[in-house]
């Protein structure tokens, strides 16, 4: 009797390990595939997105370097957006809607540190308005400047 239970238990354990390995490999490949710029541009495919992507000042930076919150949260949110897009509820090329979601300042400041001692006085004085008016990075640096114009807040 114990031999039957041991054999059954061994098969269950081996089967579980196999299923676990398959799930881990599939999940890893899925994360890699959905983290590429090509994947982003497969939905955000309006000509202006593609042109901005190809000519952007941040050419060495990947989409996910700025447009992510965390792996699990991003994958869940991305799945919801994919279904909403397929259902016609959202337009992945509605730039105003996308911008309203914003990019958090911590993403910008992880590369563009305002406290860097090597920053010029002109750079620092130009960014004083940031603190004075409680602005986020994307209030000035938006659209083509990230993905060519800089909003004018000099008034």
Foldseek 3Di string as FASTA:
>chain_A
DVVVVVVVVVVVVVVVVVVVVVVVVVVVVVLVVCQFQVNLCVQLVDPLLVVLQVPAPVVVDTPCLFPDDDSVVVVVVVVVVVVCVVVVNDRSNPQVVVCVVPTFLVSVCVPVPLPDPPDDPVVNVVCVVCVVVVHGPCVFCHDSNGSDHGDDPPD
